[in-house]
């Protein structure tokens, strides 16, 4: 199954889209895994899938690279975040331990993702704790406990955003910043994102297209912004401009 998305690693310097072959090999000791799915992390779009036979699944084809993706094995509790580029990627999932072997970009991204996932795990544990306590109190969380858990939760969310911002700055010379902005832009200060993109050498990369469109859409809604004029026909078929009125 072949699809087209993103941009090739070789294109990063040329800043032009070409299609490149990719290959992701997934190996597991979990006999219940029958199929593996690959999704775009920023959009949730299904990119590709493959059957898992004898503990091995191979997803390959051509698409515009690189893509920041999530690999999800069917019937498994784990998900794997990775960069699909034009270098082969191996995902080894055995004894509940996950190892991603691939390009240098993948290794850098793994370090960033591990910290973000760690914070996410802590926040998930807080929510599960809140649900357990609520069930013990007839489905309602006591106000004092709710306030305590909420404070801890928002502290974790602030820690996550701060780490993402820090990582964006640390990776301003590679494509990881673009991936983080594309995935987490809704959690970032969009004005800070716009300022960062002014000097970012990959600011014209296709992975940031929707982010830049979002920035422009917000600008059009700002107080004092010029409205966008348009023309349409009236009931008699005569073209009329909004600005005429």
Protein backbone atom coordinates (compact mmCIF):
# COMPACT_ATOMS: atom_id res chain seq x y z
CA UNK A 1 0.00 0.00 0.00
CA UNK A 2 1.62 3.26 -1.13
CA UNK A 3 0.86 6.78 0.00
CA UNK A 4 2.27 10.28 -0.37
CA UNK A 5 2.90 12.70 2.48
CA UNK A 6 5.57 14.99 3.93
CA UNK A 7 9.03 15.39 2.39
CA UNK A 8 12.25 13.45 1.79
CA UNK A 9 15.27 13.76 4.04
CA UNK A 10 17.41 14.41 0.99
CA UNK A 11 15.08 17.28 0.16
CA UNK A 12 15.72 19.08 3.42
CA UNK A 13 18.64 20.97 1.96
CA UNK A 14 17.11 21.46 -1.47
CA UNK A 15 13.71 22.43 -0.02
CA UNK A 16 11.74 20.73 -2.77
CA UNK A 17 9.35 17.78 -2.53
CA UNK A 18 10.28 14.42 -3.98
CA UNK A 19 8.99 10.95 -3.27
CA UNK A 20 11.34 8.48 -1.63
CA UNK A 21 11.17 4.87 -0.60
CA UNK A 22 10.77 4.03 3.07
CA UNK A 23 10.86 0.82 5.08
CA UNK A 24 9.73 0.22 8.65
CA UNK A 25 10.32 -3.25 10.10
CA UNK A 26 8.46 -4.15 13.29
CA UNK A 27 9.55 -7.18 15.36
CA UNK A 28 7.73 -8.47 18.44
CA UNK A 29 7.48 -11.47 20.74
CA UNK A 30 3.75 -10.82 21.24
CA UNK A 31 1.92 -13.55 19.33
CA UNK A 32 -1.40 -11.69 19.53
CA UNK A 33 -0.23 -8.89 17.20
CA UNK A 34 -1.70 -9.61 13.78
CA UNK A 35 -1.47 -6.22 12.09
CA UNK A 36 0.54 -3.00 12.42
CA UNK A 37 -0.67 0.48 11.49
CA UNK A 38 1.31 3.63 10.70
CA UNK A 39 -0.31 7.03 11.31
CA UNK A 40 0.85 10.62 10.75
CA UNK A 41 1.33 12.04 14.23
CA UNK A 42 0.33 15.60 13.34
CA UNK A 43 -2.94 14.75 11.53
CA UNK A 44 -3.86 11.25 12.66
CA UNK A 45 -4.08 10.15 9.02
CA UNK A 46 -3.54 6.46 8.33
CA UNK A 47 -0.43 6.22 6.18
CA UNK A 48 0.00 2.49 5.76
CA UNK A 49 -0.40 -0.91 7.40
CA UNK A 50 0.97 -4.43 7.19
CA UNK A 51 0.20 -7.93 8.44
CA UNK A 52 2.37 -9.25 11.25
CA UNK A 53 3.47 -12.81 10.55
CA UNK A 54 5.68 -14.82 12.87
CA UNK A 55 6.31 -11.68 14.91
CA UNK A 56 7.48 -9.56 11.97
CA UNK A 57 5.69 -6.84 9.99
CA UNK A 58 7.23 -4.80 7.18
CA UNK A 59 5.66 -1.52 6.06
CA UNK A 60 7.29 -0.09 2.94
CA UNK A 61 6.51 1.96 -0.13
CA UNK A 62 6.97 5.52 -1.31
CA UNK A 63 5.77 8.87 0.05
CA UNK A 64 7.08 12.37 0.62
CA UNK A 65 9.48 12.20 3.55
CA UNK A 66 10.23 12.61 6.38
CA UNK A 67 7.02 12.01 8.32
CA UNK A 68 6.64 12.19 12.09
CA UNK A 69 4.59 9.07 12.68
CA UNK A 70 3.03 6.77 15.24
CA UNK A 71 3.26 3.01 14.80
CA UNK A 72 0.39 1.13 16.48
CA UNK A 73 0.44 -2.66 16.71
CA UNK A 74 -3.06 -4.18 16.76
CA UNK A 75 -3.98 -5.76 20.12
CA UNK A 76 -0.87 -4.34 21.76
CA UNK A 77 -0.86 -1.77 24.56
CA UNK A 78 2.16 0.09 23.21
CA UNK A 79 2.48 2.79 20.57
CA UNK A 80 5.76 3.89 19.01
CA UNK A 81 6.58 7.43 17.86
CA UNK A 82 9.22 7.64 15.16
CA UNK A 83 10.45 9.51 12.11
CA UNK A 84 9.84 7.76 8.81
CA UNK A 85 12.57 8.93 6.44
CA UNK A 86 14.53 7.41 3.58
CA UNK A 87 16.69 5.33 5.90
CA UNK A 88 15.34 1.93 7.03
CA UNK A 89 13.80 1.95 10.50
CA UNK A 90 13.64 -1.06 12.82
CA UNK A 91 11.19 -1.12 15.71
CA UNK A 92 11.90 -3.95 18.16
CA UNK A 93 9.18 -4.55 20.76
CA UNK A 94 10.09 -7.46 23.01
CA UNK A 95 9.44 -8.10 26.71
CA UNK A 96 7.54 -4.78 26.81
CA UNK A 97 10.72 -2.91 25.85
CA UNK A 98 10.71 -0.80 22.69
CA UNK A 99 13.80 0.07 20.70
CA UNK A 100 13.80 2.24 17.57
CA UNK A 101 16.83 1.85 15.32
CA UNK A 102 17.13 4.22 12.39
CA UNK A 103 18.57 7.52 11.22
CA UNK A 104 20.31 10.16 13.31
CA UNK A 105 17.12 12.22 13.11
CA UNK A 106 15.23 9.29 14.63
CA UNK A 107 17.67 9.03 17.52
CA UNK A 108 17.33 12.75 18.30
CA UNK A 109 13.57 12.50 18.12
CA UNK A 110 13.53 9.45 20.41
CA UNK A 111 15.22 11.46 23.17
CA UNK A 112 12.62 14.23 22.91
CA UNK A 113 9.67 11.84 22.69
CA UNK A 114 10.76 9.80 25.72
CA UNK A 115 10.54 12.89 27.95
CA UNK A 116 7.17 14.00 26.53
CA UNK A 117 5.79 10.47 26.95
CA UNK A 118 7.08 10.33 30.52
CA UNK A 119 5.13 13.47 31.40
CA UNK A 120 2.10 12.11 29.58
CA UNK A 121 2.26 8.88 31.60
CA UNK A 122 2.28 10.84 34.85
CA UNK A 123 -0.74 12.89 33.80
CA UNK A 124 -2.59 9.71 32.78
CA UNK A 125 -1.86 8.17 36.20
CA UNK A 126 -3.33 11.29 37.84
CA UNK A 127 -6.54 10.99 35.83
CA UNK A 128 -6.84 7.29 36.67
CA UNK A 129 -6.31 8.12 40.34
CA UNK A 130 -9.06 10.75 40.16
CA UNK A 131 -11.45 8.23 38.60
CA UNK A 132 -10.70 5.64 41.30
CA UNK A 133 -11.26 8.12 44.14
CA UNK A 134 -14.45 9.40 42.52
CA UNK A 135 -15.85 5.86 42.34
CA UNK A 136 -15.09 5.41 46.04
CA UNK A 137 -17.16 8.54 46.77
CA UNK A 138 -20.24 7.67 44.80
CA UNK A 139 -19.00 9.03 41.48
CA UNK A 140 -18.08 12.49 42.78
CA UNK A 141 -14.53 13.66 43.48
CA UNK A 142 -14.28 15.56 46.81
CA UNK A 143 -13.49 19.24 46.25
CA UNK A 144 -10.26 19.19 48.27
CA UNK A 145 -8.89 16.20 46.38
CA UNK A 146 -10.09 17.61 43.06
CA UNK A 147 -8.19 20.85 43.69
CA UNK A 148 -5.03 18.96 44.66
CA UNK A 149 -5.07 16.65 41.64
CA UNK A 150 -5.98 19.49 39.26
CA UNK A 151 -3.03 21.54 40.50
CA UNK A 152 -0.67 18.60 39.92
CA UNK A 153 -2.17 17.97 36.48
CA UNK A 154 -1.73 21.56 35.29
CA UNK A 155 1.78 21.57 36.72
CA UNK A 156 2.57 18.59 34.50
CA UNK A 157 0.97 20.27 31.47
CA UNK A 158 3.08 23.39 32.05
CA UNK A 159 6.18 21.19 32.37
CA UNK A 160 5.31 19.50 29.08
CA UNK A 161 4.85 22.79 27.21
CA UNK A 162 8.06 24.19 28.69
CA UNK A 163 9.99 21.10 27.57
CA UNK A 164 8.53 21.27 24.05
CA UNK A 165 9.55 24.93 23.78
CA UNK A 166 13.03 24.09 25.05
CA UNK A 167 13.33 21.25 22.52
CA UNK A 168 12.21 23.49 19.66
CA UNK A 169 15.01 25.92 20.52
CA UNK A 170 17.57 23.14 20.89
CA UNK A 171 16.71 21.66 17.49
CA UNK A 172 16.46 24.84 15.46
CA UNK A 173 19.11 23.48 13.09
CA UNK A 174 17.20 20.32 12.17
CA UNK A 175 13.67 19.22 11.29
CA UNK A 176 12.64 18.12 14.78
CA UNK A 177 11.53 21.68 15.59
CA UNK A 178 9.21 21.61 12.59
CA UNK A 179 7.75 18.28 13.69
CA UNK A 180 7.15 19.50 17.25
CA UNK A 181 5.49 22.70 16.02
CA UNK A 182 3.29 20.77 13.59
CA UNK A 183 2.19 18.33 16.30
CA UNK A 184 1.89 20.60 19.34
CA UNK A 185 1.12 24.06 17.88
CA UNK A 186 -2.27 24.17 19.65
CA UNK A 187 -0.44 24.05 23.00
CA UNK A 188 2.09 26.76 22.10
CA UNK A 189 1.93 30.55 21.99
CA UNK A 190 1.28 31.10 18.30
CA UNK A 191 3.03 34.49 18.30
CA UNK A 192 6.15 32.84 19.68
CA UNK A 193 5.87 30.20 16.97
CA UNK A 194 5.60 32.87 14.28
CA UNK A 195 8.66 34.67 15.65
CA UNK A 196 10.64 31.41 15.71
CA UNK A 197 9.73 30.62 12.10
CA UNK A 198 11.18 33.93 10.86
CA UNK A 199 14.75 32.65 11.29
CA UNK A 200 14.12 28.90 11.08
CA UNK A 201 15.87 27.48 8.03
CA UNK A 202 13.11 24.89 7.47
CA UNK A 203 10.25 27.36 7.83
CA UNK A 204 9.12 26.70 4.24
CA UNK A 205 8.98 22.95 4.74
CA UNK A 206 5.56 21.47 3.78
CA UNK A 207 5.13 20.00 7.27
CA UNK A 208 4.56 23.57 8.50
CA UNK A 209 2.08 24.61 5.80
CA UNK A 210 -1.04 24.11 7.95
CA UNK A 211 0.59 25.86 10.90
CA UNK A 212 1.37 28.93 8.78
CA UNK A 213 -2.17 28.91 7.40
CA UNK A 214 -3.48 28.80 10.97
CA UNK A 215 -1.30 31.79 11.92
CA UNK A 216 -2.64 33.79 8.99
CA UNK A 217 -6.22 32.84 9.88
CA UNK A 218 -5.71 34.12 13.43
CA UNK A 219 -4.27 37.37 12.11
CA UNK A 220 -7.35 37.97 9.99
CA UNK A 221 -9.48 37.72 13.13
CA UNK A 222 -7.46 40.24 15.15
CA UNK A 223 -9.09 43.53 16.12
CA UNK A 224 -8.21 46.18 13.53
CA UNK A 225 -7.18 43.68 10.87
CA UNK A 226 -8.22 44.44 7.29
CA UNK A 227 -11.14 42.35 6.12
CA UNK A 228 -10.72 40.18 3.06
CA UNK A 229 -12.79 41.62 0.24
CA UNK A 230 -14.75 39.30 -2.04
CA UNK A 231 -17.10 39.49 -5.00
CA UNK A 232 -20.33 37.59 -5.63
CA UNK A 233 -23.34 38.00 -7.88
CA UNK A 234 -26.57 39.53 -6.63
CA UNK A 235 -30.01 38.05 -7.44
CA UNK A 236 -29.88 39.65 -10.92
CA UNK A 237 -26.46 38.20 -11.68
CA UNK A 238 -24.56 41.48 -11.26
CA UNK A 239 -21.13 41.13 -9.58
CA UNK A 240 -20.95 43.06 -6.29
CA UNK A 241 -18.03 43.63 -3.92
CA UNK A 242 -18.45 43.54 -0.16
CA UNK A 243 -16.39 46.74 0.01
CA UNK A 244 -19.04 48.53 -2.09
CA UNK A 245 -21.32 48.39 0.91
